[in-house]
Amino acid sequence: MDNAKESSRKDFIKMLSKSLGATIANHPILDALSGNDDVLRLNPEQQEFMLAYGKWMDENIEVIQLLKTEPGNMEHHKRMMILSDSAEEKREQLTQYMTDRNFALIYHASIQKMKDSIGE
């Protein structure tokens, strides 16, 4: 795998997971977030983004789990790079949506869900 792309992917994942900081991470509202109902609080464009992100997240979790069991499988690494490139394409839109507090809280909860799923 290209070291520059791998580094970029890692930097982007770090940015995603740390985008809200510790203050929001400990906010009590996160305990109330339960899934699809929360997405309904967003405007239609944000809902579409989060639903697409949910599909991306599910595939990302699957690939990470596959990489844990078969770290040398290049097909899994290729899929991870495609997923990373897809996330990178959405970075500008994500940055814009993160200015909305409801979106940011829901997004952060989804990141935590992904971390819990992959054991980080």
PDB file of N, CA and C in Angstrom:
ATOM      1  N   MET A   1       0.843  -1.173   0.000  1.00  0.00           N
ATOM      2  CA  MET A   1       0.000   0.000   0.000  1.00  0.00           C
ATOM      3  C   MET A   1       0.890   1.238   0.000  1.00  0.00           C
ATOM      4  N   ASP A   2       0.535   2.243  -0.761  1.00  0.00           N
ATOM      5  CA  ASP A   2       1.285   3.477  -0.868  1.00  0.00           C
ATOM      6  C   ASP A   2       1.320   4.163   0.495  1.00  0.00           C
ATOM      7  N   ASN A   3       2.528   4.460   1.000  1.00  0.00           N
ATOM      8  CA  ASN A   3       2.681   5.059   2.325  1.00  0.00           C
ATOM      9  C   ASN A   3       2.007   6.414   2.433  1.00  0.00           C
ATOM     10  N   ALA A   4       2.046   7.217   1.376  1.00  0.00           N
ATOM     11  CA  ALA A   4       1.417   8.533   1.407  1.00  0.00           C
ATOM     12  C   ALA A   4      -0.097   8.411   1.553  1.00  0.00           C
ATOM     13  N   LYS A   5      -0.692   7.484   0.803  1.00  0.00           N
ATOM     14  CA  LYS A   5      -2.143   7.282   0.906  1.00  0.00           C
ATOM     15  C   LYS A   5      -2.512   6.711   2.262  1.00  0.00           C
ATOM     16  N   GLU A   6      -1.715   5.787   2.767  1.00  0.00           N
ATOM     17  CA  GLU A   6      -1.987   5.189   4.081  1.00  0.00           C
ATOM     18  C   GLU A   6      -1.918   6.259   5.160  1.00  0.00           C
ATOM     19  N   SER A   7      -0.916   7.127   5.087  1.00  0.00           N
ATOM     20  CA  SER A   7      -0.775   8.211   6.052  1.00  0.00           C
ATOM     21  C   SER A   7      -1.951   9.170   5.960  1.00  0.00           C
ATOM     22  N   SER A   8      -2.348   9.495   4.738  1.00  0.00           N
ATOM     23  CA  SER A   8      -3.494  10.381   4.529  1.00  0.00           C
ATOM     24  C   SER A   8      -4.759   9.765   5.095  1.00  0.00           C
ATOM     25  N   ARG A   9      -4.951   8.471   4.892  1.00  0.00           N
ATOM     26  CA  ARG A   9      -6.131   7.773   5.409  1.00  0.00           C
ATOM     27  C   ARG A   9      -6.142   7.824   6.934  1.00  0.00           C
ATOM     28  N   LYS A  10      -4.988   7.561   7.542  1.00  0.00           N
ATOM     29  CA  LYS A  10      -4.907   7.590   8.997  1.00  0.00           C
ATOM     30  C   LYS A  10      -5.184   8.990   9.535  1.00  0.00           C
ATOM     31  N   ASP A  11      -4.625  10.005   8.872  1.00  0.00           N
ATOM     32  CA  ASP A  11      -4.867  11.382   9.297  1.00  0.00           C
ATOM     33  C   ASP A  11      -6.344  11.731   9.203  1.00  0.00           C
ATOM     34  N   PHE A  12      -6.999  11.298   8.139  1.00  0.00           N
ATOM     35  CA  PHE A  12      -8.413  11.591   7.967  1.00  0.00           C
ATOM     36  C   PHE A  12      -9.245  10.889   9.035  1.00  0.00           C
ATOM     37  N   ILE A  13      -8.937   9.635   9.342  1.00  0.00           N
ATOM     38  CA  ILE A  13      -9.677   8.916  10.375  1.00  0.00           C
ATOM     39  C   ILE A  13      -9.472   9.588  11.732  1.00  0.00           C
ATOM     40  N   LYS A  14      -8.248  10.042  12.006  1.00  0.00           N
ATOM     41  CA  LYS A  14      -7.998  10.766  13.259  1.00  0.00           C
ATOM     42  C   LYS A  14      -8.824  12.046  13.298  1.00  0.00           C
ATOM     43  N   MET A  15      -8.880  12.760  12.163  1.00  0.00           N
ATOM     44  CA  MET A  15      -9.658  13.993  12.100  1.00  0.00           C
ATOM     45  C   MET A  15     -11.124  13.700  12.371  1.00  0.00           C
ATOM     46  N   LEU A  16     -11.643  12.612  11.798  1.00  0.00           N
ATOM     47  CA  LEU A  16     -13.042  12.260  12.013  1.00  0.00           C
ATOM     48  C   LEU A  16     -13.318  11.981  13.480  1.00  0.00           C
ATOM     49  N   SER A  17     -12.463  11.206  14.086  1.00  0.00           N
ATOM     50  CA  SER A  17     -12.721  10.782  15.459  1.00  0.00           C
ATOM     51  C   SER A  17     -12.485  11.885  16.482  1.00  0.00           C
ATOM     52  N   LYS A  18     -11.665  12.879  16.138  1.00  0.00           N
ATOM     53  CA  LYS A  18     -11.360  13.945  17.091  1.00  0.00           C
ATOM     54  C   LYS A  18     -12.035  15.264  16.742  1.00  0.00           C
ATOM     55  N   SER A  19     -12.910  15.266  15.764  1.00  0.00           N
ATOM     56  CA  SER A  19     -13.444  16.512  15.234  1.00  0.00           C
ATOM     57  C   SER A  19     -14.244  17.325  16.238  1.00  0.00           C
ATOM     58  N   LEU A  20     -14.787  16.696  17.247  1.00  0.00           N
ATOM     59  CA  LEU A  20     -15.620  17.437  18.184  1.00  0.00           C
ATOM     60  C   LEU A  20     -14.960  17.722  19.524  1.00  0.00           C
ATOM     61  N   GLY A  21     -13.915  17.014  19.831  1.00  0.00           N
ATOM     62  CA  GLY A  21     -13.212  17.258  21.070  1.00  0.00           C
ATOM     63  C   GLY A  21     -13.875  16.628  22.279  1.00  0.00           C
ATOM     64  N   ALA A  22     -13.191  16.700  23.395  1.00  0.00           N
ATOM     65  CA  ALA A  22     -13.634  16.017  24.615  1.00  0.00           C
ATOM     66  C   ALA A  22     -14.887  16.623  25.210  1.00  0.00           C
ATOM     67  N   THR A  23     -15.118  17.912  25.075  1.00  0.00           N
ATOM     68  CA  THR A  23     -16.296  18.531  25.676  1.00  0.00           C
ATOM     69  C   THR A  23     -17.575  17.922  25.156  1.00  0.00           C
ATOM     70  N   ILE A  24     -17.702  17.833  23.847  1.00  0.00           N
ATOM     71  CA  ILE A  24     -18.916  17.254  23.264  1.00  0.00           C
ATOM     72  C   ILE A  24     -18.936  15.747  23.466  1.00  0.00           C
ATOM     73  N   ALA A  25     -17.788  15.114  23.462  1.00  0.00           N
ATOM     74  CA  ALA A  25     -17.747  13.659  23.629  1.00  0.00           C
ATOM     75  C   ALA A  25     -18.388  13.231  24.938  1.00  0.00           C
ATOM     76  N   ASN A  26     -18.300  14.074  25.955  1.00  0.00           N
ATOM     77  CA  ASN A  26     -18.868  13.743  27.257  1.00  0.00           C
ATOM     78  C   ASN A  26     -20.245  14.357  27.478  1.00  0.00           C
ATOM     79  N   HIS A  27     -20.833  14.924  26.455  1.00  0.00           N
ATOM     80  CA  HIS A  27     -22.136  15.574  26.576  1.00  0.00           C
ATOM     81  C   HIS A  27     -23.223  14.539  26.847  1.00  0.00           C
ATOM     82  N   PRO A  28     -24.108  14.791  27.815  1.00  0.00           N
ATOM     83  CA  PRO A  28     -25.137  13.804  28.173  1.00  0.00           C
ATOM     84  C   PRO A  28     -26.125  13.486  27.054  1.00  0.00           C
ATOM     85  N   ILE A  29     -26.277  14.358  26.089  1.00  0.00           N
ATOM     86  CA  ILE A  29     -27.225  14.081  25.013  1.00  0.00           C
ATOM     87  C   ILE A  29     -26.819  12.849  24.215  1.00  0.00           C
ATOM     88  N   LEU A  30     -25.538  12.522  24.209  1.00  0.00           N
ATOM     89  CA  LEU A  30     -25.093  11.346  23.460  1.00  0.00           C
ATOM     90  C   LEU A  30     -25.743  10.072  23.986  1.00  0.00           C
ATOM     91  N   ASP A  31     -26.071  10.053  25.278  1.00  0.00           N
ATOM     92  CA  ASP A  31     -26.729   8.876  25.847  1.00  0.00           C
ATOM     93  C   ASP A  31     -28.115   8.679  25.244  1.00  0.00           C
ATOM     94  N   ALA A  32     -28.749   9.764  24.783  1.00  0.00           N
ATOM     95  CA  ALA A  32     -30.107   9.675  24.245  1.00  0.00           C
ATOM     96  C   ALA A  32     -30.132   9.313  22.764  1.00  0.00           C
ATOM     97  N   LEU A  33     -29.003   9.442  22.097  1.00  0.00           N
ATOM     98  CA  LEU A  33     -28.983   9.157  20.668  1.00  0.00           C
ATOM     99  C   LEU A  33     -29.123   7.662  20.438  1.00  0.00           C
ATOM    100  N   SER A  34     -30.111   7.308  19.615  1.00  0.00           N
ATOM    101  CA  SER A  34     -30.386   5.880  19.476  1.00  0.00           C
ATOM    102  C   SER A  34     -30.362   5.373  18.054  1.00  0.00           C
ATOM    103  N   GLY A  35     -30.184   6.205  17.070  1.00  0.00           N
ATOM    104  CA  GLY A  35     -30.124   5.670  15.713  1.00  0.00           C
ATOM    105  C   GLY A  35     -30.937   6.479  14.725  1.00  0.00           C
ATOM    106  N   ASN A  36     -31.738   5.780  13.923  1.00  0.00           N
ATOM    107  CA  ASN A  36     -32.430   6.403  12.803  1.00  0.00           C
ATOM    108  C   ASN A  36     -33.344   7.558  13.198  1.00  0.00           C
ATOM    109  N   ASP A  37     -33.987   7.495  14.368  1.00  0.00           N
ATOM    110  CA  ASP A  37     -34.853   8.591  14.791  1.00  0.00           C
ATOM    111  C   ASP A  37     -34.075   9.888  14.927  1.00  0.00           C
ATOM    112  N   ASP A  38     -32.828   9.786  15.361  1.00  0.00           N
ATOM    113  CA  ASP A  38     -31.997  10.973  15.517  1.00  0.00           C
ATOM    114  C   ASP A  38     -31.727  11.644  14.178  1.00  0.00           C
ATOM    115  N   VAL A  39     -31.583  10.845  13.152  1.00  0.00           N
ATOM    116  CA  VAL A  39     -31.305  11.383  11.817  1.00  0.00           C
ATOM    117  C   VAL A  39     -32.474  12.240  11.337  1.00  0.00           C
ATOM    118  N   LEU A  40     -33.680  11.962  11.792  1.00  0.00           N
ATOM    119  CA  LEU A  40     -34.853  12.729  11.372  1.00  0.00           C
ATOM    120  C   LEU A  40     -34.810  14.172  11.864  1.00  0.00           C
ATOM    121  N   ARG A  41     -33.982  14.489  12.839  1.00  0.00           N
ATOM    122  CA  ARG A  41     -33.838  15.864  13.327  1.00  0.00           C
ATOM    123  C   ARG A  41     -33.025  16.728  12.367  1.00  0.00           C
ATOM    124  N   LEU A  42     -32.396  16.114  11.410  1.00  0.00           N
ATOM    125  CA  LEU A  42     -31.555  16.840  10.463  1.00  0.00           C
ATOM    126  C   LEU A  42     -32.363  17.303   9.271  1.00  0.00           C
ATOM    127  N   ASN A  43     -31.826  18.299   8.551  1.00  0.00           N
ATOM    128  CA  ASN A  43     -32.501  18.721   7.317  1.00  0.00           C
ATOM    129  C   ASN A  43     -32.313  17.626   6.262  1.00  0.00           C
ATOM    130  N   PRO A  44     -33.083  17.670   5.175  1.00  0.00           N
ATOM    131  CA  PRO A  44     -33.025  16.583   4.178  1.00  0.00           C
ATOM    132  C   PRO A  44     -31.626  16.298   3.619  1.00  0.00           C
ATOM    133  N   GLU A  45     -30.833  17.339   3.395  1.00  0.00           N
ATOM    134  CA  GLU A  45     -29.486  17.125   2.864  1.00  0.00           C
ATOM    135  C   GLU A  45     -28.600  16.436   3.891  1.00  0.00           C
ATOM    136  N   GLN A  46     -28.726  16.858   5.155  1.00  0.00           N
ATOM    137  CA  GLN A  46     -27.944  16.228   6.210  1.00  0.00           C
ATOM    138  C   GLN A  46     -28.383  14.779   6.417  1.00  0.00           C
ATOM    139  N   GLN A  47     -29.699  14.527   6.318  1.00  0.00           N
ATOM    140  CA  GLN A  47     -30.205  13.161   6.440  1.00  0.00           C
ATOM    141  C   GLN A  47     -29.613  12.276   5.348  1.00  0.00           C
ATOM    142  N   GLU A  48     -29.623  12.782   4.132  1.00  0.00           N
ATOM    143  CA  GLU A  48     -29.075  12.015   3.011  1.00  0.00           C
ATOM    144  C   GLU A  48     -27.597  11.714   3.246  1.00  0.00           C
ATOM    145  N   PHE A  49     -26.864  12.715   3.717  1.00  0.00           N
ATOM    146  CA  PHE A  49     -25.444  12.536   3.991  1.00  0.00           C
ATOM    147  C   PHE A  49     -25.242  11.464   5.056  1.00  0.00           C
ATOM    148  N   MET A  50     -25.993  11.545   6.168  1.00  0.00           N
ATOM    149  CA  MET A  50     -25.819  10.599   7.260  1.00  0.00           C
ATOM    150  C   MET A  50     -26.234   9.180   6.865  1.00  0.00           C
ATOM    151  N   LEU A  51     -27.261   9.055   6.047  1.00  0.00           N
ATOM    152  CA  LEU A  51     -27.651   7.715   5.596  1.00  0.00           C
ATOM    153  C   LEU A  51     -26.572   7.115   4.702  1.00  0.00           C
ATOM    154  N   ALA A  52     -26.016   7.939   3.814  1.00  0.00           N
ATOM    155  CA  ALA A  52     -24.913   7.461   2.969  1.00  0.00           C
ATOM    156  C   ALA A  52     -23.695   7.159   3.833  1.00  0.00           C
ATOM    157  N   TYR A  53     -23.445   7.994   4.820  1.00  0.00           N
ATOM    158  CA  TYR A  53     -22.325   7.770   5.725  1.00  0.00           C
ATOM    159  C   TYR A  53     -22.520   6.467   6.501  1.00  0.00           C
ATOM    160  N   GLY A  54     -23.753   6.187   6.911  1.00  0.00           N
ATOM    161  CA  GLY A  54     -24.040   4.940   7.622  1.00  0.00           C
ATOM    162  C   GLY A  54     -23.692   3.728   6.786  1.00  0.00           C
ATOM    163  N   LYS A  55     -24.007   3.782   5.497  1.00  0.00           N
ATOM    164  CA  LYS A  55     -23.657   2.676   4.602  1.00  0.00           C
ATOM    165  C   LYS A  55     -22.138   2.570   4.469  1.00  0.00           C
ATOM    166  N   TRP A  56     -21.480   3.726   4.341  1.00  0.00           N
ATOM    167  CA  TRP A  56     -20.018   3.743   4.258  1.00  0.00           C
ATOM    168  C   TRP A  56     -19.422   3.156   5.538  1.00  0.00           C
ATOM    169  N   MET A  57     -19.968   3.562   6.688  1.00  0.00           N
ATOM    170  CA  MET A  57     -19.472   3.104   7.972  1.00  0.00           C
ATOM    171  C   MET A  57     -19.613   1.587   8.099  1.00  0.00           C
ATOM    172  N   ASP A  58     -20.752   1.036   7.698  1.00  0.00           N
ATOM    173  CA  ASP A  58     -20.956  -0.407   7.767  1.00  0.00           C
ATOM    174  C   ASP A  58     -19.924  -1.148   6.918  1.00  0.00           C
ATOM    175  N   GLU A  59     -19.674  -0.643   5.720  1.00  0.00           N
ATOM    176  CA  GLU A  59     -18.682  -1.293   4.854  1.00  0.00           C
ATOM    177  C   GLU A  59     -17.279  -1.134   5.438  1.00  0.00           C
ATOM    178  N   ASN A  60     -17.002   0.031   5.992  1.00  0.00           N
ATOM    179  CA  ASN A  60     -15.700   0.285   6.601  1.00  0.00           C
ATOM    180  C   ASN A  60     -15.456  -0.668   7.770  1.00  0.00           C
ATOM    181  N   ILE A  61     -16.463  -0.862   8.611  1.00  0.00           N
ATOM    182  CA  ILE A  61     -16.347  -1.790   9.735  1.00  0.00           C
ATOM    183  C   ILE A  61     -16.056  -3.199   9.224  1.00  0.00           C
ATOM    184  N   GLU A  62     -16.779  -3.590   8.187  1.00  0.00           N
ATOM    185  CA  GLU A  62     -16.577  -4.926   7.609  1.00  0.00           C
ATOM    186  C   GLU A  62     -15.140  -5.103   7.128  1.00  0.00           C
ATOM    187  N   VAL A  63     -14.621  -4.109   6.417  1.00  0.00           N
ATOM    188  CA  VAL A  63     -13.264  -4.215   5.876  1.00  0.00           C
ATOM    189  C   VAL A  63     -12.235  -4.215   7.009  1.00  0.00           C
ATOM    190  N   ILE A  64     -12.438  -3.391   8.011  1.00  0.00           N
ATOM    191  CA  ILE A  64     -11.503  -3.366   9.150  1.00  0.00           C
ATOM    192  C   ILE A  64     -11.467  -4.733   9.831  1.00  0.00           C
ATOM    193  N   GLN A  65     -12.634  -5.329  10.008  1.00  0.00           N
ATOM    194  CA  GLN A  65     -12.682  -6.656  10.626  1.00  0.00           C
ATOM    195  C   GLN A  65     -11.995  -7.695   9.745  1.00  0.00           C
ATOM    196  N   LEU A  66     -12.184  -7.590   8.439  1.00  0.00           N
ATOM    197  CA  LEU A  66     -11.499  -8.512   7.526  1.00  0.00           C
ATOM    198  C   LEU A  66      -9.985  -8.329   7.598  1.00  0.00           C
ATOM    199  N   LEU A  67      -9.543  -7.075   7.688  1.00  0.00           N
ATOM    200  CA  LEU A  67      -8.110  -6.805   7.778  1.00  0.00           C
ATOM    201  C   LEU A  67      -7.514  -7.340   9.078  1.00  0.00           C
ATOM    202  N   LYS A  68      -8.316  -7.345  10.133  1.00  0.00           N
ATOM    203  CA  LYS A  68      -7.826  -7.902  11.398  1.00  0.00           C
ATOM    204  C   LYS A  68      -7.590  -9.403  11.274  1.00  0.00           C
ATOM    205  N   THR A  69      -8.450 -10.084  10.511  1.00  0.00           N
ATOM    206  CA  THR A  69      -8.309 -11.531  10.379  1.00  0.00           C
ATOM    207  C   THR A  69      -7.354 -11.921   9.262  1.00  0.00           C
ATOM    208  N   GLU A  70      -7.254 -11.071   8.231  1.00  0.00           N
ATOM    209  CA  GLU A  70      -6.385 -11.360   7.093  1.00  0.00           C
ATOM    210  C   GLU A  70      -5.571 -10.108   6.734  1.00  0.00           C
ATOM    211  N   PRO A  71      -4.628  -9.717   7.579  1.00  0.00           N
ATOM    212  CA  PRO A  71      -3.908  -8.461   7.350  1.00  0.00           C
ATOM    213  C   PRO A  71      -3.095  -8.416   6.054  1.00  0.00           C
ATOM    214  N   GLY A  72      -2.750  -9.548   5.505  1.00  0.00           N
ATOM    215  CA  GLY A  72      -1.960  -9.568   4.279  1.00  0.00           C
ATOM    216  C   GLY A  72      -2.778  -9.599   3.004  1.00  0.00           C
ATOM    217  N   ASN A  73      -4.089  -9.615   3.107  1.00  0.00           N
ATOM    218  CA  ASN A  73      -4.956  -9.716   1.932  1.00  0.00           C
ATOM    219  C   ASN A  73      -5.023  -8.352   1.230  1.00  0.00           C
ATOM    220  N   MET A  74      -4.426  -8.268   0.055  1.00  0.00           N
ATOM    221  CA  MET A  74      -4.354  -6.998  -0.675  1.00  0.00           C
ATOM    222  C   MET A  74      -5.720  -6.510  -1.156  1.00  0.00           C
ATOM    223  N   GLU A  75      -6.650  -7.412  -1.391  1.00  0.00           N
ATOM    224  CA  GLU A  75      -7.998  -6.991  -1.810  1.00  0.00           C
ATOM    225  C   GLU A  75      -8.671  -6.191  -0.703  1.00  0.00           C
ATOM    226  N   HIS A  76      -8.464  -6.590   0.532  1.00  0.00           N
ATOM    227  CA  HIS A  76      -9.032  -5.846   1.662  1.00  0.00           C
ATOM    228  C   HIS A  76      -8.388  -4.458   1.747  1.00  0.00           C
ATOM    229  N   HIS A  77      -7.087  -4.402   1.508  1.00  0.00           N
ATOM    230  CA  HIS A  77      -6.392  -3.114   1.532  1.00  0.00           C
ATOM    231  C   HIS A  77      -6.897  -2.208   0.404  1.00  0.00           C
ATOM    232  N   LYS A  78      -7.147  -2.782  -0.757  1.00  0.00           N
ATOM    233  CA  LYS A  78      -7.681  -1.997  -1.879  1.00  0.00           C
ATOM    234  C   LYS A  78      -9.056  -1.444  -1.547  1.00  0.00           C
ATOM    235  N   ARG A  79      -9.900  -2.288  -0.933  1.00  0.00           N
ATOM    236  CA  ARG A  79     -11.235  -1.822  -0.529  1.00  0.00           C
ATOM    237  C   ARG A  79     -11.128  -0.694   0.488  1.00  0.00           C
ATOM    238  N   MET A  80     -10.172  -0.794   1.418  1.00  0.00           N
ATOM    239  CA  MET A  80      -9.983   0.251   2.421  1.00  0.00           C
ATOM    240  C   MET A  80      -9.569   1.560   1.758  1.00  0.00           C
ATOM    241  N   MET A  81      -8.717   1.487   0.763  1.00  0.00           N
ATOM    242  CA  MET A  81      -8.293   2.705   0.067  1.00  0.00           C
ATOM    243  C   MET A  81      -9.465   3.337  -0.680  1.00  0.00           C
ATOM    244  N   ILE A  82     -10.307   2.518  -1.290  1.00  0.00           N
ATOM    245  CA  ILE A  82     -11.492   3.042  -1.976  1.00  0.00           C
ATOM    246  C   ILE A  82     -12.408   3.730  -0.976  1.00  0.00           C
ATOM    247  N   LEU A  83     -12.599   3.112   0.177  1.00  0.00           N
ATOM    248  CA  LEU A  83     -13.438   3.714   1.215  1.00  0.00           C
ATOM    249  C   LEU A  83     -12.829   5.019   1.725  1.00  0.00           C
ATOM    250  N   SER A  84     -11.524   5.040   1.885  1.00  0.00           N
ATOM    251  CA  SER A  84     -10.840   6.258   2.330  1.00  0.00           C
ATOM    252  C   SER A  84     -10.986   7.372   1.304  1.00  0.00           C
ATOM    253  N   ASP A  85     -10.832   7.030   0.029  1.00  0.00           N
ATOM    254  CA  ASP A  85     -10.996   8.028  -1.025  1.00  0.00           C
ATOM    255  C   ASP A  85     -12.426   8.570  -1.039  1.00  0.00           C
ATOM    256  N   SER A  86     -13.401   7.698  -0.837  1.00  0.00           N
ATOM    257  CA  SER A  86     -14.798   8.102  -0.796  1.00  0.00           C
ATOM    258  C   SER A  86     -15.041   9.075   0.358  1.00  0.00           C
ATOM    259  N   ALA A  87     -14.470   8.791   1.521  1.00  0.00           N
ATOM    260  CA  ALA A  87     -14.611   9.681   2.670  1.00  0.00           C
ATOM    261  C   ALA A  87     -13.948  11.031   2.393  1.00  0.00           C
ATOM    262  N   GLU A  88     -12.800  10.990   1.771  1.00  0.00           N
ATOM    263  CA  GLU A  88     -12.073  12.230   1.458  1.00  0.00           C
ATOM    264  C   GLU A  88     -12.898  13.132   0.537  1.00  0.00           C
ATOM    265  N   GLU A  89     -13.617  12.534  -0.397  1.00  0.00           N
ATOM    266  CA  GLU A  89     -14.462  13.310  -1.319  1.00  0.00           C
ATOM    267  C   GLU A  89     -15.578  14.045  -0.589  1.00  0.00           C
ATOM    268  N   LYS A  90     -15.967  13.555   0.561  1.00  0.00           N
ATOM    269  CA  LYS A  90     -17.063  14.143   1.320  1.00  0.00           C
ATOM    270  C   LYS A  90     -16.584  15.082   2.437  1.00  0.00           C
ATOM    271  N   ARG A  91     -15.292  15.261   2.552  1.00  0.00           N
ATOM    272  CA  ARG A  91     -14.734  16.049   3.660  1.00  0.00           C
ATOM    273  C   ARG A  91     -15.269  17.477   3.685  1.00  0.00           C
ATOM    274  N   GLU A  92     -15.307  18.149   2.549  1.00  0.00           N
ATOM    275  CA  GLU A  92     -15.764  19.541   2.518  1.00  0.00           C
ATOM    276  C   GLU A  92     -17.219  19.643   2.975  1.00  0.00           C
ATOM    277  N   GLN A  93     -18.059  18.751   2.473  1.00  0.00           N
ATOM    278  CA  GLN A  93     -19.466  18.746   2.861  1.00  0.00           C
ATOM    279  C   GLN A  93     -19.595  18.431   4.358  1.00  0.00           C
ATOM    280  N   LEU A  94     -18.816  17.488   4.846  1.00  0.00           N
ATOM    281  CA  LEU A  94     -18.843  17.144   6.263  1.00  0.00           C
ATOM    282  C   LEU A  94     -18.459  18.351   7.112  1.00  0.00           C
ATOM    283  N   THR A  95     -17.413  19.042   6.729  1.00  0.00           N
ATOM    284  CA  THR A  95     -16.958  20.221   7.473  1.00  0.00           C
ATOM    285  C   THR A  95     -18.066  21.255   7.559  1.00  0.00           C
ATOM    286  N   GLN A  96     -18.770  21.452   6.471  1.00  0.00           N
ATOM    287  CA  GLN A  96     -19.886  22.409   6.454  1.00  0.00           C
ATOM    288  C   GLN A  96     -20.987  21.961   7.415  1.00  0.00           C
ATOM    289  N   TYR A  97     -21.373  20.692   7.363  1.00  0.00           N
ATOM    290  CA  TYR A  97     -22.442  20.185   8.223  1.00  0.00           C
ATOM    291  C   TYR A  97     -22.055  20.178   9.701  1.00  0.00           C
ATOM    292  N   MET A  98     -20.784  20.045  10.005  1.00  0.00           N
ATOM    293  CA  MET A  98     -20.339  19.991  11.394  1.00  0.00           C
ATOM    294  C   MET A  98     -20.576  21.302  12.133  1.00  0.00           C
ATOM    295  N   THR A  99     -20.878  22.368  11.421  1.00  0.00           N
ATOM    296  CA  THR A  99     -21.203  23.632  12.095  1.00  0.00           C
ATOM    297  C   THR A  99     -22.585  23.583  12.735  1.00  0.00           C
ATOM    298  N   ASP A 100     -23.407  22.624  12.357  1.00  0.00           N
ATOM    299  CA  ASP A 100     -24.732  22.424  12.953  1.00  0.00           C
ATOM    300  C   ASP A 100     -24.573  21.516  14.170  1.00  0.00           C
ATOM    301  N   ARG A 101     -24.938  22.020  15.338  1.00  0.00           N
ATOM    302  CA  ARG A 101     -24.723  21.278  16.588  1.00  0.00           C
ATOM    303  C   ARG A 101     -25.431  19.919  16.583  1.00  0.00           C
ATOM    304  N   ASN A 102     -26.689  19.854  16.120  1.00  0.00           N
ATOM    305  CA  ASN A 102     -27.407  18.576  16.072  1.00  0.00           C
ATOM    306  C   ASN A 102     -26.672  17.577  15.189  1.00  0.00           C
ATOM    307  N   PHE A 103     -26.251  18.044  14.030  1.00  0.00           N
ATOM    308  CA  PHE A 103     -25.511  17.163  13.126  1.00  0.00           C
ATOM    309  C   PHE A 103     -24.231  16.677  13.795  1.00  0.00           C
ATOM    310  N   ALA A 104     -23.506  17.610  14.408  1.00  0.00           N
ATOM    311  CA  ALA A 104     -22.232  17.259  15.032  1.00  0.00           C
ATOM    312  C   ALA A 104     -22.414  16.203  16.121  1.00  0.00           C
ATOM    313  N   LEU A 105     -23.440  16.344  16.939  1.00  0.00           N
ATOM    314  CA  LEU A 105     -23.686  15.364  17.997  1.00  0.00           C
ATOM    315  C   LEU A 105     -24.032  13.990  17.427  1.00  0.00           C
ATOM    316  N   ILE A 106     -24.876  13.982  16.415  1.00  0.00           N
ATOM    317  CA  ILE A 106     -25.267  12.720  15.789  1.00  0.00           C
ATOM    318  C   ILE A 106     -24.066  12.086  15.092  1.00  0.00           C
ATOM    319  N   TYR A 107     -23.295  12.897  14.402  1.00  0.00           N
ATOM    320  CA  TYR A 107     -22.108  12.396  13.715  1.00  0.00           C
ATOM    321  C   TYR A 107     -21.121  11.804  14.721  1.00  0.00           C
ATOM    322  N   HIS A 108     -20.901  12.522  15.806  1.00  0.00           N
ATOM    323  CA  HIS A 108     -19.968  12.034  16.821  1.00  0.00           C
ATOM    324  C   HIS A 108     -20.452  10.705  17.404  1.00  0.00           C
ATOM    325  N   ALA A 109     -21.742  10.586  17.653  1.00  0.00           N
ATOM    326  CA  ALA A 109     -22.292   9.329  18.173  1.00  0.00           C
ATOM    327  C   ALA A 109     -22.057   8.192  17.178  1.00  0.00           C
ATOM    328  N   SER A 110     -22.170   8.492  15.881  1.00  0.00           N
ATOM    329  CA  SER A 110     -21.949   7.446  14.880  1.00  0.00           C
ATOM    330  C   SER A 110     -20.479   7.039  14.837  1.00  0.00           C
ATOM    331  N   ILE A 111     -19.579   7.988  15.032  1.00  0.00           N
ATOM    332  CA  ILE A 111     -18.145   7.672  15.091  1.00  0.00           C
ATOM    333  C   ILE A 111     -17.864   6.774  16.292  1.00  0.00           C
ATOM    334  N   GLN A 112     -18.486   7.095  17.419  1.00  0.00           N
ATOM    335  CA  GLN A 112     -18.282   6.274  18.617  1.00  0.00           C
ATOM    336  C   GLN A 112     -18.820   4.865  18.393  1.00  0.00           C
ATOM    337  N   LYS A 113     -19.961   4.766  17.712  1.00  0.00           N
ATOM    338  CA  LYS A 113     -20.528   3.455  17.399  1.00  0.00           C
ATOM    339  C   LYS A 113     -19.553   2.648  16.545  1.00  0.00           C
ATOM    340  N   MET A 114     -18.939   3.316  15.567  1.00  0.00           N
ATOM    341  CA  MET A 114     -17.993   2.618  14.703  1.00  0.00           C
ATOM    342  C   MET A 114     -16.774   2.178  15.530  1.00  0.00           C
ATOM    343  N   LYS A 115     -16.264   3.037  16.395  1.00  0.00           N
ATOM    344  CA  LYS A 115     -15.119   2.680  17.213  1.00  0.00           C
ATOM    345  C   LYS A 115     -15.446   1.474  18.094  1.00  0.00           C
ATOM    346  N   ASP A 116     -16.636   1.493  18.692  1.00  0.00           N
ATOM    347  CA  ASP A 116     -17.057   0.371  19.540  1.00  0.00           C
ATOM    348  C   ASP A 116     -17.139  -0.920  18.735  1.00  0.00           C
ATOM    349  N   SER A 117     -17.607  -0.818  17.501  1.00  0.00           N
ATOM    350  CA  SER A 117     -17.765  -2.006  16.646  1.00  0.00           C
ATOM    351  C   SER A 117     -16.432  -2.637  16.256  1.00  0.00           C
ATOM    352  N   ILE A 118     -15.412  -1.794  16.118  1.00  0.00           N
ATOM    353  CA  ILE A 118     -14.115  -2.327  15.693  1.00  0.00           C
ATOM    354  C   ILE A 118     -13.163  -2.512  16.866  1.00  0.00           C
ATOM    355  N   GLY A 119     -13.633  -2.174  18.053  1.00  0.00           N
ATOM    356  CA  GLY A 119     -12.831  -2.428  19.256  1.00  0.00           C
ATOM    357  C   GLY A 119     -11.732  -1.427  19.498  1.00  0.00           C
ATOM    358  N   GLU A 120     -11.947  -0.183  19.167  1.00  0.00           N
ATOM    359  CA  GLU A 120     -10.928   0.853  19.453  1.00  0.00           C
ATOM    360  C   GLU A 120     -11.344   1.669  20.638  1.00  0.00           C
TER     361      GLU A 120
END
